[in-house]
Amino acid sequence: MIRTLELSAAGQGLHEITDRVVEVVHDAGVDEGLCTLFLRHTSASLTIQENADPSARRDLEAWMNRQVPEDDPLYTHTVEGPDDMPSHIKAALTATSLGIPIVGGRLALGTWQGIFLWEHRTGRKRREIVVHIGD
């Protein structure tokens, strides 16, 4: 089963999408298999991260922004704004696909794990994630 999730991310940050993916897994009716997520963009990424304490996400975002700042004078790809080249670097350092086992009809995520779209651009962006459920 393949389904495309369409999302609207309201600016930079980690946006939890676990519930959307759980719904696709449920609809697939697969007891054991693999859920593969693929983000069809070059300026955002996917990650599995703590979903209990929002301070963990804030700290991760702040750390990444320190490592890859906007307005670096060495950037040459600047036509789309000061956040564009940093967003490509952040996406290259993280992941655009995830694989999560399905066990007993459920994602095999740990207690505090959630699935996140990590938006690296500052403005609202429409994003697509292709979800493949295989048994």
C-alpha atoms as a PDB file:
ATOM      1  CA  MET A   1       0.000   0.000   0.000  1.00  0.00           C
ATOM      2  CA  ILE A   2       1.262   3.456  -0.901  1.00  0.00           C
ATOM      3  CA  ARG A   3      -0.273   6.704   0.284  1.00  0.00           C
ATOM      4  CA  THR A   4       0.926  10.308   0.080  1.00  0.00           C
ATOM      5  CA  LEU A   5       0.482  12.530   3.122  1.00  0.00           C
ATOM      6  CA  GLU A   6       0.168  16.225   2.372  1.00  0.00           C
ATOM      7  CA  LEU A   7       1.234  18.509   5.189  1.00  0.00           C
ATOM      8  CA  SER A   8       1.475  22.217   5.768  1.00  0.00           C
ATOM      9  CA  ALA A   9       4.368  23.116   8.044  1.00  0.00           C
ATOM     10  CA  ALA A  10       4.065  26.494   9.730  1.00  0.00           C
ATOM     11  CA  GLY A  11       7.719  27.493   9.696  1.00  0.00           C
ATOM     12  CA  GLN A  12      10.943  26.059  11.042  1.00  0.00           C
ATOM     13  CA  GLY A  13      10.845  23.363  13.638  1.00  0.00           C
ATOM     14  CA  LEU A  14       9.888  19.813  14.448  1.00  0.00           C
ATOM     15  CA  HIS A  15       6.247  19.094  13.596  1.00  0.00           C
ATOM     16  CA  GLU A  16       4.911  15.790  14.941  1.00  0.00           C
ATOM     17  CA  ILE A  17       3.209  13.584  12.347  1.00  0.00           C
ATOM     18  CA  THR A  18       3.004  10.315  14.324  1.00  0.00           C
ATOM     19  CA  ASP A  19      -0.806  10.244  14.381  1.00  0.00           C
ATOM     20  CA  ARG A  20      -1.003  10.701  10.603  1.00  0.00           C
ATOM     21  CA  VAL A  21       1.373   7.777  10.027  1.00  0.00           C
ATOM     22  CA  VAL A  22      -0.408   5.581  12.605  1.00  0.00           C
ATOM     23  CA  GLU A  23      -3.646   6.160  10.669  1.00  0.00           C
ATOM     24  CA  VAL A  24      -2.049   4.947   7.424  1.00  0.00           C
ATOM     25  CA  VAL A  25      -0.661   1.838   9.160  1.00  0.00           C
ATOM     26  CA  HIS A  26      -4.082   1.099  10.645  1.00  0.00           C
ATOM     27  CA  ASP A  27      -5.795   1.485   7.248  1.00  0.00           C
ATOM     28  CA  ALA A  28      -3.263  -0.891   5.664  1.00  0.00           C
ATOM     29  CA  GLY A  29      -4.307  -3.717   8.007  1.00  0.00           C
ATOM     30  CA  VAL A  30      -0.801  -5.195   8.039  1.00  0.00           C
ATOM     31  CA  ASP A  31       0.081  -7.236  11.142  1.00  0.00           C
ATOM     32  CA  GLU A  32       3.835  -7.441  10.502  1.00  0.00           C
ATOM     33  CA  GLY A  33       5.834  -5.481   7.985  1.00  0.00           C
ATOM     34  CA  LEU A  34       7.662  -2.257   7.343  1.00  0.00           C
ATOM     35  CA  CYS A  35       6.468   1.338   7.126  1.00  0.00           C
ATOM     36  CA  THR A  36       8.750   3.387   4.907  1.00  0.00           C
ATOM     37  CA  LEU A  37       8.413   7.179   4.826  1.00  0.00           C
ATOM     38  CA  PHE A  38       9.984   9.260   2.058  1.00  0.00           C
ATOM     39  CA  LEU A  39       9.934  13.066   2.062  1.00  0.00           C
ATOM     40  CA  ARG A  40       9.798  14.538  -1.440  1.00  0.00           C
ATOM     41  CA  HIS A  41      11.739  17.737  -0.662  1.00  0.00           C
ATOM     42  CA  THR A  42      15.316  18.997  -0.298  1.00  0.00           C
ATOM     43  CA  SER A  43      14.816  21.652   2.384  1.00  0.00           C
ATOM     44  CA  ALA A  44      13.111  19.590   5.117  1.00  0.00           C
ATOM     45  CA  SER A  45      13.722  16.205   6.710  1.00  0.00           C
ATOM     46  CA  LEU A  46      12.234  13.400   8.773  1.00  0.00           C
ATOM     47  CA  THR A  47      13.340  12.242  12.196  1.00  0.00           C
ATOM     48  CA  ILE A  48      12.281  10.091  15.115  1.00  0.00           C
ATOM     49  CA  GLN A  49      12.648  12.088  18.300  1.00  0.00           C
ATOM     50  CA  GLU A  50      11.319  12.430  21.834  1.00  0.00           C
ATOM     51  CA  ASN A  51       7.678  13.454  21.821  1.00  0.00           C
ATOM     52  CA  ALA A  52       7.097  13.906  25.573  1.00  0.00           C
ATOM     53  CA  ASP A  53       9.060  17.017  26.531  1.00  0.00           C
ATOM     54  CA  PRO A  54       8.996  19.898  24.008  1.00  0.00           C
ATOM     55  CA  SER A  55      12.246  21.281  25.436  1.00  0.00           C
ATOM     56  CA  ALA A  56      14.135  18.386  23.780  1.00  0.00           C
ATOM     57  CA  ARG A  57      12.851  19.551  20.372  1.00  0.00           C
ATOM     58  CA  ARG A  58      13.643  23.201  21.114  1.00  0.00           C
ATOM     59  CA  ASP A  59      17.191  22.300  22.170  1.00  0.00           C
ATOM     60  CA  LEU A  60      17.705  20.194  19.039  1.00  0.00           C
ATOM     61  CA  GLU A  61      16.430  22.998  16.788  1.00  0.00           C
ATOM     62  CA  ALA A  62      18.622  25.588  18.541  1.00  0.00           C
ATOM     63  CA  TRP A  63      21.680  23.339  18.239  1.00  0.00           C
ATOM     64  CA  MET A  64      21.101  22.786  14.515  1.00  0.00           C
ATOM     65  CA  ASN A  65      20.641  26.527  13.909  1.00  0.00           C
ATOM     66  CA  ARG A  66      23.980  27.209  15.625  1.00  0.00           C
ATOM     67  CA  GLN A  67      25.716  24.611  13.453  1.00  0.00           C
ATOM     68  CA  VAL A  68      24.156  25.839  10.195  1.00  0.00           C
ATOM     69  CA  PRO A  69      23.515  29.595  10.488  1.00  0.00           C
ATOM     70  CA  GLU A  70      21.707  31.761   7.990  1.00  0.00           C
ATOM     71  CA  ASP A  71      23.524  34.518   6.073  1.00  0.00           C
ATOM     72  CA  ASP A  72      26.891  32.728   5.918  1.00  0.00           C
ATOM     73  CA  PRO A  73      28.955  34.847   3.483  1.00  0.00           C
ATOM     74  CA  LEU A  74      30.300  31.659   1.857  1.00  0.00           C
ATOM     75  CA  TYR A  75      26.859  30.611   0.549  1.00  0.00           C
ATOM     76  CA  THR A  76      26.354  31.190  -3.174  1.00  0.00           C
ATOM     77  CA  HIS A  77      22.845  29.684  -3.434  1.00  0.00           C
ATOM     78  CA  THR A  78      20.991  32.728  -2.052  1.00  0.00           C
ATOM     79  CA  VAL A  79      18.279  33.616  -4.605  1.00  0.00           C
ATOM     80  CA  GLU A  80      15.455  32.043  -2.542  1.00  0.00           C
ATOM     81  CA  GLY A  81      16.351  33.824   0.690  1.00  0.00           C
ATOM     82  CA  PRO A  82      18.719  33.530   3.649  1.00  0.00           C
ATOM     83  CA  ASP A  83      17.072  30.328   4.957  1.00  0.00           C
ATOM     84  CA  ASP A  84      17.313  28.378   1.678  1.00  0.00           C
ATOM     85  CA  MET A  85      20.923  27.165   1.592  1.00  0.00           C
ATOM     86  CA  PRO A  86      20.957  26.394   5.334  1.00  0.00           C
ATOM     87  CA  SER A  87      17.790  24.326   4.824  1.00  0.00           C
ATOM     88  CA  HIS A  88      19.518  22.215   2.151  1.00  0.00           C
ATOM     89  CA  ILE A  89      22.524  21.642   4.416  1.00  0.00           C
ATOM     90  CA  LYS A  90      20.283  20.658   7.351  1.00  0.00           C
ATOM     91  CA  ALA A  91      18.377  18.221   5.135  1.00  0.00           C
ATOM     92  CA  ALA A  92      21.664  16.705   3.929  1.00  0.00           C
ATOM     93  CA  LEU A  93      22.813  16.224   7.543  1.00  0.00           C
ATOM     94  CA  THR A  94      19.586  14.534   8.625  1.00  0.00           C
ATOM     95  CA  ALA A  95      17.270  12.131   6.715  1.00  0.00           C
ATOM     96  CA  THR A  96      14.623  12.267   4.022  1.00  0.00           C
ATOM     97  CA  SER A  97      13.440   8.698   4.627  1.00  0.00           C
ATOM     98  CA  LEU A  98      12.686   6.484   7.615  1.00  0.00           C
ATOM     99  CA  GLY A  99      11.907   2.791   7.999  1.00  0.00           C
ATOM    100  CA  ILE A 100       9.844   1.672  11.001  1.00  0.00           C
ATOM    101  CA  PRO A 101       8.891  -1.958  11.660  1.00  0.00           C
ATOM    102  CA  ILE A 102       5.233  -2.861  12.109  1.00  0.00           C
ATOM    103  CA  VAL A 103       4.674  -5.435  14.865  1.00  0.00           C
ATOM    104  CA  GLY A 104       1.227  -6.599  15.891  1.00  0.00           C
ATOM    105  CA  GLY A 105      -0.373  -4.066  13.554  1.00  0.00           C
ATOM    106  CA  ARG A 106       1.387  -1.138  15.238  1.00  0.00           C
ATOM    107  CA  LEU A 107       4.502   0.915  14.630  1.00  0.00           C
ATOM    108  CA  ALA A 108       7.332  -0.451  16.784  1.00  0.00           C
ATOM    109  CA  LEU A 109       8.164   2.961  18.234  1.00  0.00           C
ATOM    110  CA  GLY A 110       9.550   3.265  21.747  1.00  0.00           C
ATOM    111  CA  THR A 111       7.570   4.825  24.588  1.00  0.00           C
ATOM    112  CA  TRP A 112       8.826   8.379  24.064  1.00  0.00           C
ATOM    113  CA  GLN A 113       9.421   8.249  20.300  1.00  0.00           C
ATOM    114  CA  GLY A 114       7.447  10.263  17.787  1.00  0.00           C
ATOM    115  CA  ILE A 115       7.793  10.818  14.050  1.00  0.00           C
ATOM    116  CA  PHE A 116       8.524  14.401  13.030  1.00  0.00           C
ATOM    117  CA  LEU A 117       8.692  16.457   9.885  1.00  0.00           C
ATOM    118  CA  TRP A 118      11.637  18.768  10.486  1.00  0.00           C
ATOM    119  CA  GLU A 119      10.925  21.918   8.531  1.00  0.00           C
ATOM    120  CA  HIS A 120      14.090  23.887   7.818  1.00  0.00           C
ATOM    121  CA  ARG A 121      12.547  26.865   5.971  1.00  0.00           C
ATOM    122  CA  THR A 122      11.079  29.833   7.864  1.00  0.00           C
ATOM    123  CA  GLY A 123       7.820  30.311   5.946  1.00  0.00           C
ATOM    124  CA  ARG A 124       4.788  28.047   5.708  1.00  0.00           C
ATOM    125  CA  LYS A 125       5.547  25.213   3.298  1.00  0.00           C
ATOM    126  CA  ARG A 126       3.463  22.449   1.756  1.00  0.00           C
ATOM    127  CA  ARG A 127       5.215  19.099   2.090  1.00  0.00           C
ATOM    128  CA  GLU A 128       4.525  15.597   0.741  1.00  0.00           C
ATOM    129  CA  ILE A 129       5.528  12.345   2.393  1.00  0.00           C
ATOM    130  CA  VAL A 130       5.125   9.087   0.501  1.00  0.00           C
ATOM    131  CA  VAL A 131       4.230   6.270   2.899  1.00  0.00           C
ATOM    132  CA  HIS A 132       4.786   2.669   1.780  1.00  0.00           C
ATOM    133  CA  ILE A 133       3.440  -0.170   3.900  1.00  0.00           C
ATOM    134  CA  GLY A 134       4.845  -3.581   3.000  1.00  0.00           C
ATOM    135  CA  ASP A 135       4.438  -6.976   4.612  1.00  0.00           C
END
